[in-house]
PDB file of N, CA and C in Angstrom:
ATOM      1  N   MET A   1    -104.090  33.374  -0.176  1.00  0.00           N
ATOM      2  CA  MET A   1    -102.985  33.659  -0.839  1.00  0.00           C
ATOM      3  C   MET A   1    -103.400  34.184  -2.626  1.00  0.00           C
ATOM      4  N   THR A   2    -102.608  35.411  -2.957  1.00  0.00           N
ATOM      5  CA  THR A   2    -102.679  35.696  -4.126  1.00  0.00           C
ATOM      6  C   THR A   2    -101.157  34.696  -4.908  1.00  0.00           C
ATOM      7  N   LEU A   3    -101.511  33.956  -5.898  1.00  0.00           N
ATOM      8  CA  LEU A   3    -100.071  33.619  -6.936  1.00  0.00           C
ATOM      9  C   LEU A   3     -99.841  34.644  -7.448  1.00  0.00           C
ATOM     10  N   HIS A   4     -98.796  35.038  -8.319  1.00  0.00           N
ATOM     11  CA  HIS A   4     -98.645  35.653  -9.237  1.00  0.00           C
ATOM     12  C   HIS A   4     -97.987  35.387 -10.369  1.00  0.00           C
ATOM     13  N   VAL A   5     -97.864  35.887 -11.493  1.00  0.00           N
ATOM     14  CA  VAL A   5     -97.150  35.434 -12.515  1.00  0.00           C
ATOM     15  C   VAL A   5     -96.432  37.222 -12.954  1.00  0.00           C
ATOM     16  N   ARG A   6     -95.036  36.413 -13.864  1.00  0.00           N
ATOM     17  CA  ARG A   6     -94.481  37.776 -14.399  1.00  0.00           C
ATOM     18  C   ARG A   6     -95.833  37.895 -15.695  1.00  0.00           C
ATOM     19  N   SER A   7     -95.913  39.572 -16.121  1.00  0.00           N
ATOM     20  CA  SER A   7     -96.255  39.827 -17.124  1.00  0.00           C
ATOM     21  C   SER A   7     -96.350  39.298 -18.550  1.00  0.00           C
ATOM     22  N   ALA A   8     -94.941  38.739 -18.448  1.00  0.00           N
ATOM     23  CA  ALA A   8     -94.350  38.154 -20.010  1.00  0.00           C
ATOM     24  C   ALA A   8     -95.299  37.393 -20.449  1.00  0.00           C
ATOM     25  N   SER A   9     -96.534  36.423 -19.399  1.00  0.00           N
ATOM     26  CA  SER A   9     -97.152  35.428 -20.202  1.00  0.00           C
ATOM     27  C   SER A   9     -97.653  36.161 -20.777  1.00  0.00           C
ATOM     28  N   LEU A  10     -98.411  37.445 -20.492  1.00  0.00           N
ATOM     29  CA  LEU A  10     -99.229  38.054 -21.282  1.00  0.00           C
ATOM     30  C   LEU A  10     -98.227  38.921 -22.967  1.00  0.00           C
ATOM     31  N   ILE A  11     -97.232  38.778 -23.100  1.00  0.00           N
ATOM     32  CA  ILE A  11     -96.636  39.115 -24.538  1.00  0.00           C
ATOM     33  C   ILE A  11     -97.088  38.348 -25.517  1.00  0.00           C
ATOM     34  N   ASN A  12     -97.733  38.795 -26.834  1.00  0.00           N
ATOM     35  CA  ASN A  12     -98.308  38.668 -27.522  1.00  0.00           C
ATOM     36  C   ASN A  12     -99.903  38.667 -27.814  1.00  0.00           C
ATOM     37  N   TYR A  13    -100.484  38.860 -26.332  1.00  0.00           N
ATOM     38  CA  TYR A  13    -101.618  38.543 -26.056  1.00  0.00           C
ATOM     39  C   TYR A  13    -102.637  39.604 -27.038  1.00  0.00           C
ATOM     40  N   VAL A  14    -102.086  41.049 -27.338  1.00  0.00           N
ATOM     41  CA  VAL A  14    -102.536  41.977 -27.766  1.00  0.00           C
ATOM     42  C   VAL A  14    -102.908  41.822 -29.349  1.00  0.00           C
ATOM     43  N   TYR A  15    -101.922  40.907 -29.757  1.00  0.00           N
ATOM     44  CA  TYR A  15    -101.672  40.730 -31.256  1.00  0.00           C
ATOM     45  C   TYR A  15    -103.251  39.758 -31.212  1.00  0.00           C
ATOM     46  N   LEU A  16    -102.785  38.572 -30.419  1.00  0.00           N
ATOM     47  CA  LEU A  16    -103.587  37.283 -30.566  1.00  0.00           C
ATOM     48  C   LEU A  16    -105.226  37.874 -30.673  1.00  0.00           C
ATOM     49  N   ALA A  17    -105.734  38.894 -29.514  1.00  0.00           N
ATOM     50  CA  ALA A  17    -107.270  39.182 -29.150  1.00  0.00           C
ATOM     51  C   ALA A  17    -107.578  40.345 -30.395  1.00  0.00           C
ATOM     52  N   GLN A  18    -106.557  40.537 -30.862  1.00  0.00           N
ATOM     53  CA  GLN A  18    -107.081  41.661 -32.250  1.00  0.00           C
ATOM     54  C   GLN A  18    -107.326  40.747 -33.036  1.00  0.00           C
ATOM     55  N   GLU A  19    -106.505  39.725 -33.449  1.00  0.00           N
ATOM     56  CA  GLU A  19    -107.094  38.948 -34.670  1.00  0.00           C
ATOM     57  C   GLU A  19    -108.281  38.179 -34.477  1.00  0.00           C
ATOM     58  N   ALA A  20    -108.481  37.611 -32.776  1.00  0.00           N
ATOM     59  CA  ALA A  20    -109.857  37.349 -32.677  1.00  0.00           C
ATOM     60  C   ALA A  20    -111.077  38.226 -32.722  1.00  0.00           C
ATOM     61  N   GLY A  21    -111.007  39.737 -32.840  1.00  0.00           N
ATOM     62  CA  GLY A  21    -111.811  40.532 -33.282  1.00  0.00           C
ATOM     63  C   GLY A  21    -112.112  41.162 -31.794  1.00  0.00           C
ATOM     64  N   LEU A  22    -111.380  40.924 -31.068  1.00  0.00           N
ATOM     65  CA  LEU A  22    -111.447  41.175 -29.655  1.00  0.00           C
ATOM     66  C   LEU A  22    -110.794  42.748 -29.185  1.00  0.00           C
ATOM     67  N   ASP A  23    -111.330  43.637 -28.268  1.00  0.00           N
ATOM     68  CA  ASP A  23    -110.592  44.680 -27.849  1.00  0.00           C
ATOM     69  C   ASP A  23    -109.732  44.161 -26.544  1.00  0.00           C
ATOM     70  N   PRO A  24    -108.491  44.163 -26.526  1.00  0.00           N
ATOM     71  CA  PRO A  24    -107.530  43.707 -25.447  1.00  0.00           C
ATOM     72  C   PRO A  24    -107.403  44.328 -24.747  1.00  0.00           C
ATOM     73  N   LEU A  25    -107.617  45.923 -24.349  1.00  0.00           N
ATOM     74  CA  LEU A  25    -107.433  46.821 -23.384  1.00  0.00           C
ATOM     75  C   LEU A  25    -108.554  46.450 -22.965  1.00  0.00           C
ATOM     76  N   ALA A  26    -110.048  46.589 -23.024  1.00  0.00           N
ATOM     77  CA  ALA A  26    -111.158  46.688 -22.451  1.00  0.00           C
ATOM     78  C   ALA A  26    -110.782  45.050 -21.741  1.00  0.00           C
ATOM     79  N   LEU A  27    -110.609  44.290 -22.893  1.00  0.00           N
ATOM     80  CA  LEU A  27    -111.000  42.837 -21.729  1.00  0.00           C
ATOM     81  C   LEU A  27    -109.895  42.579 -20.381  1.00  0.00           C
ATOM     82  N   THR A  28    -108.545  43.494 -20.635  1.00  0.00           N
ATOM     83  CA  THR A  28    -107.835  43.500 -19.763  1.00  0.00           C
ATOM     84  C   THR A  28    -107.967  44.129 -18.602  1.00  0.00           C
ATOM     85  N   ARG A  29    -108.789  45.510 -18.673  1.00  0.00           N
ATOM     86  CA  ARG A  29    -109.456  46.123 -17.661  1.00  0.00           C
ATOM     87  C   ARG A  29    -110.387  45.703 -17.199  1.00  0.00           C
ATOM     88  N   GLU A  30    -111.185  45.000 -18.032  1.00  0.00           N
ATOM     89  CA  GLU A  30    -112.527  44.108 -17.217  1.00  0.00           C
ATOM     90  C   GLU A  30    -111.985  42.808 -16.491  1.00  0.00           C
ATOM     91  N   ALA A  31    -110.834  42.090 -16.521  1.00  0.00           N
ATOM     92  CA  ALA A  31    -110.447  41.084 -15.328  1.00  0.00           C
ATOM     93  C   ALA A  31    -109.775  41.513 -14.354  1.00  0.00           C
ATOM     94  N   GLY A  32    -109.464  43.140 -14.147  1.00  0.00           N
ATOM     95  CA  GLY A  32    -109.051  43.757 -13.316  1.00  0.00           C
ATOM     96  C   GLY A  32    -107.085  43.564 -13.523  1.00  0.00           C
ATOM     97  N   LEU A  33    -106.694  43.647 -14.277  1.00  0.00           N
ATOM     98  CA  LEU A  33    -105.156  43.649 -14.529  1.00  0.00           C
ATOM     99  C   LEU A  33    -105.198  45.515 -15.189  1.00  0.00           C
ATOM    100  N   PRO A  34    -103.688  45.676 -14.743  1.00  0.00           N
ATOM    101  CA  PRO A  34    -103.048  46.959 -15.303  1.00  0.00           C
ATOM    102  C   PRO A  34    -103.007  46.593 -16.856  1.00  0.00           C
ATOM    103  N   VAL A  35    -103.473  47.651 -17.668  1.00  0.00           N
ATOM    104  CA  VAL A  35    -102.927  47.840 -18.829  1.00  0.00           C
ATOM    105  C   VAL A  35    -101.817  47.892 -19.454  1.00  0.00           C
ATOM    106  N   ASP A  36    -100.881  48.188 -18.209  1.00  0.00           N
ATOM    107  CA  ASP A  36     -99.380  48.514 -18.601  1.00  0.00           C
ATOM    108  C   ASP A  36     -98.647  47.012 -18.206  1.00  0.00           C
ATOM    109  N   ALA A  37     -99.532  46.317 -17.798  1.00  0.00           N
ATOM    110  CA  ALA A  37     -98.991  44.800 -17.905  1.00  0.00           C
ATOM    111  C   ALA A  37     -98.649  44.144 -19.353  1.00  0.00           C
ATOM    112  N   LEU A  38     -99.502  44.740 -20.162  1.00  0.00           N
ATOM    113  CA  LEU A  38     -99.673  44.147 -21.615  1.00  0.00           C
ATOM    114  C   LEU A  38     -98.231  44.820 -22.376  1.00  0.00           C
ATOM    115  N   ASP A  39     -97.572  45.764 -21.748  1.00  0.00           N
ATOM    116  CA  ASP A  39     -96.277  46.634 -22.255  1.00  0.00           C
ATOM    117  C   ASP A  39     -94.612  45.849 -21.633  1.00  0.00           C
ATOM    118  N   ASN A  40     -94.937  45.814 -20.238  1.00  0.00           N
ATOM    119  CA  ASN A  40     -93.946  45.983 -19.545  1.00  0.00           C
ATOM    120  C   ASN A  40     -93.959  44.194 -18.657  1.00  0.00           C
ATOM    121  N   PRO A  41     -93.281  43.467 -19.540  1.00  0.00           N
ATOM    122  CA  PRO A  41     -93.132  42.195 -19.324  1.00  0.00           C
ATOM    123  C   PRO A  41     -92.610  41.587 -18.007  1.00  0.00           C
ATOM    124  N   ASP A  42     -92.243  42.654 -16.747  1.00  0.00           N
ATOM    125  CA  ASP A  42     -91.555  42.476 -15.461  1.00  0.00           C
ATOM    126  C   ASP A  42     -92.496  42.535 -14.505  1.00  0.00           C
ATOM    127  N   LEU A  43     -93.585  42.897 -14.591  1.00  0.00           N
ATOM    128  CA  LEU A  43     -94.619  42.926 -13.883  1.00  0.00           C
ATOM    129  C   LEU A  43     -95.540  41.450 -12.808  1.00  0.00           C
ATOM    130  N   LYS A  44     -95.026  41.570 -11.992  1.00  0.00           N
ATOM    131  CA  LYS A  44     -95.805  40.554 -11.296  1.00  0.00           C
ATOM    132  C   LYS A  44     -97.273  40.808 -11.292  1.00  0.00           C
ATOM    133  N   ILE A  45     -98.165  39.917 -11.623  1.00  0.00           N
ATOM    134  CA  ILE A  45     -99.876  40.499 -11.693  1.00  0.00           C
ATOM    135  C   ILE A  45    -100.296  38.958 -11.384  1.00  0.00           C
ATOM    136  N   PRO A  46    -101.299  39.255 -10.891  1.00  0.00           N
ATOM    137  CA  PRO A  46    -102.092  37.553 -10.288  1.00  0.00           C
ATOM    138  C   PRO A  46    -102.558  36.767 -11.027  1.00  0.00           C
ATOM    139  N   GLY A  47    -102.223  36.115 -11.018  1.00  0.00           N
ATOM    140  CA  GLY A  47    -102.229  34.388 -11.830  1.00  0.00           C
ATOM    141  C   GLY A  47    -103.905  34.638 -12.032  1.00  0.00           C
ATOM    142  N   ALA A  48    -104.833  34.226 -11.173  1.00  0.00           N
ATOM    143  CA  ALA A  48    -105.936  34.467 -11.132  1.00  0.00           C
ATOM    144  C   ALA A  48    -106.660  35.034 -12.401  1.00  0.00           C
ATOM    145  N   GLN A  49    -106.591  36.529 -12.368  1.00  0.00           N
ATOM    146  CA  GLN A  49    -106.797  37.622 -13.151  1.00  0.00           C
ATOM    147  C   GLN A  49    -106.354  37.274 -14.538  1.00  0.00           C
ATOM    148  N   VAL A  50    -105.261  37.028 -14.753  1.00  0.00           N
ATOM    149  CA  VAL A  50    -104.668  36.484 -16.279  1.00  0.00           C
ATOM    150  C   VAL A  50    -105.158  34.950 -16.486  1.00  0.00           C
ATOM    151  N   ARG A  51    -105.937  34.253 -15.658  1.00  0.00           N
ATOM    152  CA  ARG A  51    -106.510  33.234 -16.292  1.00  0.00           C
ATOM    153  C   ARG A  51    -108.080  33.364 -16.243  1.00  0.00           C
ATOM    154  N   ALA A  52    -108.464  34.599 -15.791  1.00  0.00           N
ATOM    155  CA  ALA A  52    -109.488  35.080 -16.025  1.00  0.00           C
ATOM    156  C   ALA A  52    -110.025  35.673 -17.426  1.00  0.00           C
ATOM    157  N   LEU A  53    -108.736  36.356 -17.698  1.00  0.00           N
ATOM    158  CA  LEU A  53    -108.641  37.055 -19.023  1.00  0.00           C
ATOM    159  C   LEU A  53    -108.904  36.258 -20.234  1.00  0.00           C
ATOM    160  N   LEU A  54    -107.773  35.459 -20.403  1.00  0.00           N
ATOM    161  CA  LEU A  54    -107.923  34.174 -21.130  1.00  0.00           C
ATOM    162  C   LEU A  54    -109.217  33.253 -21.396  1.00  0.00           C
ATOM    163  N   GLU A  55    -109.577  33.158 -20.121  1.00  0.00           N
ATOM    164  CA  GLU A  55    -111.081  32.493 -20.350  1.00  0.00           C
ATOM    165  C   GLU A  55    -112.235  33.399 -21.011  1.00  0.00           C
ATOM    166  N   MET A  56    -111.880  34.643 -20.518  1.00  0.00           N
ATOM    167  CA  MET A  56    -113.158  35.728 -20.947  1.00  0.00           C
ATOM    168  C   MET A  56    -112.909  35.651 -22.582  1.00  0.00           C
ATOM    169  N   SER A  57    -111.662  35.756 -23.421  1.00  0.00           N
ATOM    170  CA  SER A  57    -111.111  35.817 -24.520  1.00  0.00           C
ATOM    171  C   SER A  57    -111.629  34.620 -25.142  1.00  0.00           C
ATOM    172  N   ALA A  58    -111.627  33.021 -24.476  1.00  0.00           N
ATOM    173  CA  ALA A  58    -111.399  32.009 -25.306  1.00  0.00           C
ATOM    174  C   ALA A  58    -113.288  32.498 -25.279  1.00  0.00           C
ATOM    175  N   ARG A  59    -114.058  32.608 -24.748  1.00  0.00           N
ATOM    176  CA  ARG A  59    -115.357  32.961 -24.385  1.00  0.00           C
ATOM    177  C   ARG A  59    -115.984  33.454 -25.609  1.00  0.00           C
ATOM    178  N   ARG A  60    -115.533  35.129 -26.265  1.00  0.00           N
ATOM    179  CA  ARG A  60    -115.946  35.929 -26.535  1.00  0.00           C
ATOM    180  C   ARG A  60    -115.760  35.999 -28.137  1.00  0.00           C
ATOM    181  N   SER A  61    -114.219  35.246 -27.755  1.00  0.00           N
ATOM    182  CA  SER A  61    -113.494  35.423 -29.245  1.00  0.00           C
ATOM    183  C   SER A  61    -114.193  33.875 -29.961  1.00  0.00           C
ATOM    184  N   GLY A  62    -115.007  32.948 -29.232  1.00  0.00           N
ATOM    185  CA  GLY A  62    -115.396  31.273 -29.871  1.00  0.00           C
ATOM    186  C   GLY A  62    -114.004  30.212 -29.988  1.00  0.00           C
ATOM    187  N   TRP A  63    -112.704  30.897 -29.911  1.00  0.00           N
ATOM    188  CA  TRP A  63    -111.996  30.271 -29.896  1.00  0.00           C
ATOM    189  C   TRP A  63    -111.199  29.418 -28.661  1.00  0.00           C
ATOM    190  N   GLN A  64    -112.095  28.060 -28.279  1.00  0.00           N
ATOM    191  CA  GLN A  64    -111.683  27.386 -27.504  1.00  0.00           C
ATOM    192  C   GLN A  64    -110.153  27.063 -27.182  1.00  0.00           C
ATOM    193  N   ASP A  65    -109.631  27.204 -27.813  1.00  0.00           N
ATOM    194  CA  ASP A  65    -108.099  27.224 -27.512  1.00  0.00           C
ATOM    195  C   ASP A  65    -107.722  28.184 -27.693  1.00  0.00           C
ATOM    196  N   PHE A  66    -108.222  29.275 -27.564  1.00  0.00           N
ATOM    197  CA  PHE A  66    -107.279  31.175 -27.163  1.00  0.00           C
ATOM    198  C   PHE A  66    -106.098  30.779 -26.308  1.00  0.00           C
ATOM    199  N   GLY A  67    -106.267  30.177 -25.122  1.00  0.00           N
ATOM    200  CA  GLY A  67    -104.887  30.179 -24.510  1.00  0.00           C
ATOM    201  C   GLY A  67    -103.051  29.062 -24.953  1.00  0.00           C
ATOM    202  N   LEU A  68    -104.243  28.412 -25.918  1.00  0.00           N
ATOM    203  CA  LEU A  68    -103.119  27.237 -26.522  1.00  0.00           C
ATOM    204  C   LEU A  68    -102.402  28.011 -27.288  1.00  0.00           C
ATOM    205  N   ARG A  69    -103.276  28.845 -28.322  1.00  0.00           N
ATOM    206  CA  ARG A  69    -102.911  29.488 -29.148  1.00  0.00           C
ATOM    207  C   ARG A  69    -101.868  30.887 -28.785  1.00  0.00           C
ATOM    208  N   LEU A  70    -102.351  31.608 -27.891  1.00  0.00           N
ATOM    209  CA  LEU A  70    -101.260  32.335 -27.032  1.00  0.00           C
ATOM    210  C   LEU A  70     -99.955  31.553 -26.190  1.00  0.00           C
ATOM    211  N   ALA A  71    -100.046  30.293 -26.339  1.00  0.00           N
ATOM    212  CA  ALA A  71     -98.584  29.547 -25.474  1.00  0.00           C
ATOM    213  C   ALA A  71     -98.091  29.398 -26.651  1.00  0.00           C
ATOM    214  N   GLU A  72     -98.473  29.283 -28.206  1.00  0.00           N
ATOM    215  CA  GLU A  72     -97.865  28.994 -28.800  1.00  0.00           C
ATOM    216  C   GLU A  72     -96.831  29.841 -29.730  1.00  0.00           C
ATOM    217  N   THR A  73     -97.647  31.061 -29.482  1.00  0.00           N
ATOM    218  CA  THR A  73     -96.280  32.311 -29.408  1.00  0.00           C
ATOM    219  C   THR A  73     -95.233  32.445 -28.487  1.00  0.00           C
ATOM    220  N   ARG A  74     -94.771  31.621 -27.370  1.00  0.00           N
ATOM    221  CA  ARG A  74     -94.010  31.670 -26.662  1.00  0.00           C
ATOM    222  C   ARG A  74     -92.552  31.322 -26.962  1.00  0.00           C
ATOM    223  N   GLN A  75     -91.703  31.979 -26.555  1.00  0.00           N
ATOM    224  CA  GLN A  75     -90.060  31.928 -26.735  1.00  0.00           C
ATOM    225  C   GLN A  75     -89.686  31.591 -25.683  1.00  0.00           C
ATOM    226  N   PHE A  76     -88.371  31.146 -25.541  1.00  0.00           N
ATOM    227  CA  PHE A  76     -87.810  30.216 -24.352  1.00  0.00           C
ATOM    228  C   PHE A  76     -86.900  32.053 -23.618  1.00  0.00           C
ATOM    229  N   TRP A  77     -87.178  32.841 -24.324  1.00  0.00           N
ATOM    230  CA  TRP A  77     -86.208  34.377 -23.919  1.00  0.00           C
ATOM    231  C   TRP A  77     -87.723  35.004 -22.632  1.00  0.00           C
ATOM    232  N   MET A  78     -88.671  34.363 -23.383  1.00  0.00           N
ATOM    233  CA  MET A  78     -89.563  35.130 -22.395  1.00  0.00           C
ATOM    234  C   MET A  78     -89.732  34.739 -20.581  1.00  0.00           C
ATOM    235  N   LEU A  79     -88.855  33.660 -19.908  1.00  0.00           N
ATOM    236  CA  LEU A  79     -88.654  33.920 -18.793  1.00  0.00           C
ATOM    237  C   LEU A  79     -87.600  35.062 -18.235  1.00  0.00           C
ATOM    238  N   GLY A  80     -87.191  35.685 -19.295  1.00  0.00           N
ATOM    239  CA  GLY A  80     -86.392  36.806 -18.769  1.00  0.00           C
ATOM    240  C   GLY A  80     -84.877  36.028 -18.099  1.00  0.00           C
ATOM    241  N   PRO A  81     -84.763  36.390 -16.783  1.00  0.00           N
ATOM    242  CA  PRO A  81     -83.762  36.072 -16.097  1.00  0.00           C
ATOM    243  C   PRO A  81     -83.281  35.174 -15.731  1.00  0.00           C
ATOM    244  N   LEU A  82     -84.563  34.026 -15.847  1.00  0.00           N
ATOM    245  CA  LEU A  82     -84.640  32.583 -16.026  1.00  0.00           C
ATOM    246  C   LEU A  82     -83.605  31.882 -17.049  1.00  0.00           C
ATOM    247  N   ALA A  83     -84.469  32.156 -18.253  1.00  0.00           N
ATOM    248  CA  ALA A  83     -83.677  31.958 -19.266  1.00  0.00           C
ATOM    249  C   ALA A  83     -82.178  31.826 -19.271  1.00  0.00           C
ATOM    250  N   LEU A  84     -81.762  33.031 -18.849  1.00  0.00           N
ATOM    251  CA  LEU A  84     -80.345  33.121 -18.748  1.00  0.00           C
ATOM    252  C   LEU A  84     -79.749  32.349 -18.028  1.00  0.00           C
ATOM    253  N   ALA A  85     -80.171  31.834 -16.450  1.00  0.00           N
ATOM    254  CA  ALA A  85     -79.654  31.030 -15.986  1.00  0.00           C
ATOM    255  C   ALA A  85     -80.014  29.469 -16.376  1.00  0.00           C
ATOM    256  N   VAL A  86     -80.705  29.342 -16.933  1.00  0.00           N
ATOM    257  CA  VAL A  86     -80.556  28.056 -17.598  1.00  0.00           C
ATOM    258  C   VAL A  86     -79.394  27.479 -18.617  1.00  0.00           C
ATOM    259  N   ARG A  87     -79.491  29.054 -19.706  1.00  0.00           N
ATOM    260  CA  ARG A  87     -79.123  28.813 -20.835  1.00  0.00           C
ATOM    261  C   ARG A  87     -77.223  28.693 -20.110  1.00  0.00           C
ATOM    262  N   GLU A  88     -76.769  29.275 -19.241  1.00  0.00           N
ATOM    263  CA  GLU A  88     -75.731  29.294 -18.601  1.00  0.00           C
ATOM    264  C   GLU A  88     -75.233  27.998 -18.273  1.00  0.00           C
ATOM    265  N   GLN A  89     -75.655  26.767 -18.004  1.00  0.00           N
ATOM    266  CA  GLN A  89     -75.497  25.385 -17.560  1.00  0.00           C
ATOM    267  C   GLN A  89     -74.836  24.583 -18.777  1.00  0.00           C
ATOM    268  N   ALA A  90     -73.838  24.059 -18.351  1.00  0.00           N
ATOM    269  CA  ALA A  90     -72.996  23.261 -18.946  1.00  0.00           C
ATOM    270  C   ALA A  90     -73.910  22.300 -19.913  1.00  0.00           C
ATOM    271  N   THR A  91     -75.013  21.279 -19.033  1.00  0.00           N
ATOM    272  CA  THR A  91     -75.675  20.554 -19.601  1.00  0.00           C
ATOM    273  C   THR A  91     -77.024  20.415 -19.531  1.00  0.00           C
ATOM    274  N   LEU A  92     -77.516  19.555 -19.962  1.00  0.00           N
ATOM    275  CA  LEU A  92     -78.912  19.606 -19.657  1.00  0.00           C
ATOM    276  C   LEU A  92     -79.458  19.393 -18.220  1.00  0.00           C
ATOM    277  N   ARG A  93     -79.143  18.384 -17.339  1.00  0.00           N
ATOM    278  CA  ARG A  93     -79.562  18.153 -16.389  1.00  0.00           C
ATOM    279  C   ARG A  93     -79.277  19.297 -15.351  1.00  0.00           C
ATOM    280  N   PRO A  94     -78.280  20.069 -15.134  1.00  0.00           N
ATOM    281  CA  PRO A  94     -78.156  20.713 -14.487  1.00  0.00           C
ATOM    282  C   PRO A  94     -79.262  22.720 -15.529  1.00  0.00           C
ATOM    283  N   ALA A  95     -79.292  22.188 -16.486  1.00  0.00           N
ATOM    284  CA  ALA A  95     -80.247  23.331 -17.289  1.00  0.00           C
ATOM    285  C   ALA A  95     -81.847  23.248 -16.029  1.00  0.00           C
ATOM    286  N   LEU A  96     -82.321  21.951 -16.089  1.00  0.00           N
ATOM    287  CA  LEU A  96     -83.223  21.724 -15.656  1.00  0.00           C
ATOM    288  C   LEU A  96     -83.469  21.787 -14.487  1.00  0.00           C
ATOM    289  N   ALA A  97     -82.294  21.181 -13.564  1.00  0.00           N
ATOM    290  CA  ALA A  97     -82.656  21.858 -12.090  1.00  0.00           C
ATOM    291  C   ALA A  97     -82.909  22.728 -12.048  1.00  0.00           C
ATOM    292  N   VAL A  98     -82.102  23.689 -12.651  1.00  0.00           N
ATOM    293  CA  VAL A  98     -82.213  25.530 -12.719  1.00  0.00           C
ATOM    294  C   VAL A  98     -83.348  26.184 -12.675  1.00  0.00           C
ATOM    295  N   LEU A  99     -84.189  25.676 -13.902  1.00  0.00           N
ATOM    296  CA  LEU A  99     -85.431  25.480 -14.258  1.00  0.00           C
ATOM    297  C   LEU A  99     -86.779  25.351 -13.109  1.00  0.00           C
ATOM    298  N   ILE A 100     -86.163  23.797 -12.502  1.00  0.00           N
ATOM    299  CA  ILE A 100     -87.327  23.491 -11.686  1.00  0.00           C
ATOM    300  C   ILE A 100     -87.229  24.138 -10.581  1.00  0.00           C
ATOM    301  N   ARG A 101     -85.906  24.972  -9.749  1.00  0.00           N
ATOM    302  CA  ARG A 101     -85.948  25.125  -8.770  1.00  0.00           C
ATOM    303  C   ARG A 101     -86.461  26.716  -8.897  1.00  0.00           C
ATOM    304  N   HIS A 102     -86.555  27.237 -10.049  1.00  0.00           N
ATOM    305  CA  HIS A 102     -86.301  28.927 -10.024  1.00  0.00           C
ATOM    306  C   HIS A 102     -87.895  29.084 -10.887  1.00  0.00           C
ATOM    307  N   ILE A 103     -88.387  28.250 -11.406  1.00  0.00           N
ATOM    308  CA  ILE A 103     -89.480  28.751 -12.384  1.00  0.00           C
ATOM    309  C   ILE A 103     -90.684  29.210 -11.405  1.00  0.00           C
ATOM    310  N   ARG A 104     -90.251  28.900  -9.975  1.00  0.00           N
ATOM    311  CA  ARG A 104     -91.644  30.240  -8.995  1.00  0.00           C
ATOM    312  C   ARG A 104     -91.323  31.285  -9.290  1.00  0.00           C
ATOM    313  N   LEU A 105     -89.965  31.895  -9.666  1.00  0.00           N
ATOM    314  CA  LEU A 105     -89.822  33.436  -9.752  1.00  0.00           C
ATOM    315  C   LEU A 105     -90.936  33.844 -11.155  1.00  0.00           C
ATOM    316  N   HIS A 106     -90.541  32.969 -12.266  1.00  0.00           N
ATOM    317  CA  HIS A 106     -91.664  33.285 -13.465  1.00  0.00           C
ATOM    318  C   HIS A 106     -93.157  33.196 -12.821  1.00  0.00           C
ATOM    319  N   ASN A 107     -93.603  32.243 -12.227  1.00  0.00           N
ATOM    320  CA  ASN A 107     -95.554  31.846 -12.600  1.00  0.00           C
ATOM    321  C   ASN A 107     -94.575  31.248 -10.896  1.00  0.00           C
ATOM    322  N   GLU A 108     -95.290  31.564  -9.826  1.00  0.00           N
ATOM    323  CA  GLU A 108     -95.986  31.258  -8.555  1.00  0.00           C
ATOM    324  C   GLU A 108     -97.158  30.505  -8.454  1.00  0.00           C
ATOM    325  N   ALA A 109     -97.581  29.922  -9.617  1.00  0.00           N
ATOM    326  CA  ALA A 109     -98.818  29.097  -9.838  1.00  0.00           C
ATOM    327  C   ALA A 109     -98.186  27.267 -10.065  1.00  0.00           C
ATOM    328  N   ILE A 110     -97.493  27.954 -10.902  1.00  0.00           N
ATOM    329  CA  ILE A 110     -96.262  26.476 -11.194  1.00  0.00           C
ATOM    330  C   ILE A 110     -95.989  25.570  -9.787  1.00  0.00           C
ATOM    331  N   HIS A 111     -96.284  24.501  -9.363  1.00  0.00           N
ATOM    332  CA  HIS A 111     -95.834  23.697  -8.648  1.00  0.00           C
ATOM    333  C   HIS A 111     -95.267  22.591  -8.924  1.00  0.00           C
TER     334      HIS A 111
END
């Protein structure tokens, strides 16, 4: 079974890859991902191919922490509609409950 993630997980990938001296479009194609995933945060793309892209980027850049560097650029709004649902909760407990219940809409690989 293929587990998908929202292409929002690649927001800032182009910037970081270029900073590392990589060609982000070539690597994205090599990983088997559509290049428009770099511009459209709402595409569902295979998580295994995102992992492959990040691993290739880490290996070729020499930055073992490439994925962590990308994660550091994350903003809460990148969760898309899920961020709105969480934000609308009155307190932390229901906000976390909504996040836990619906996080699979953002990333099916999260259990």
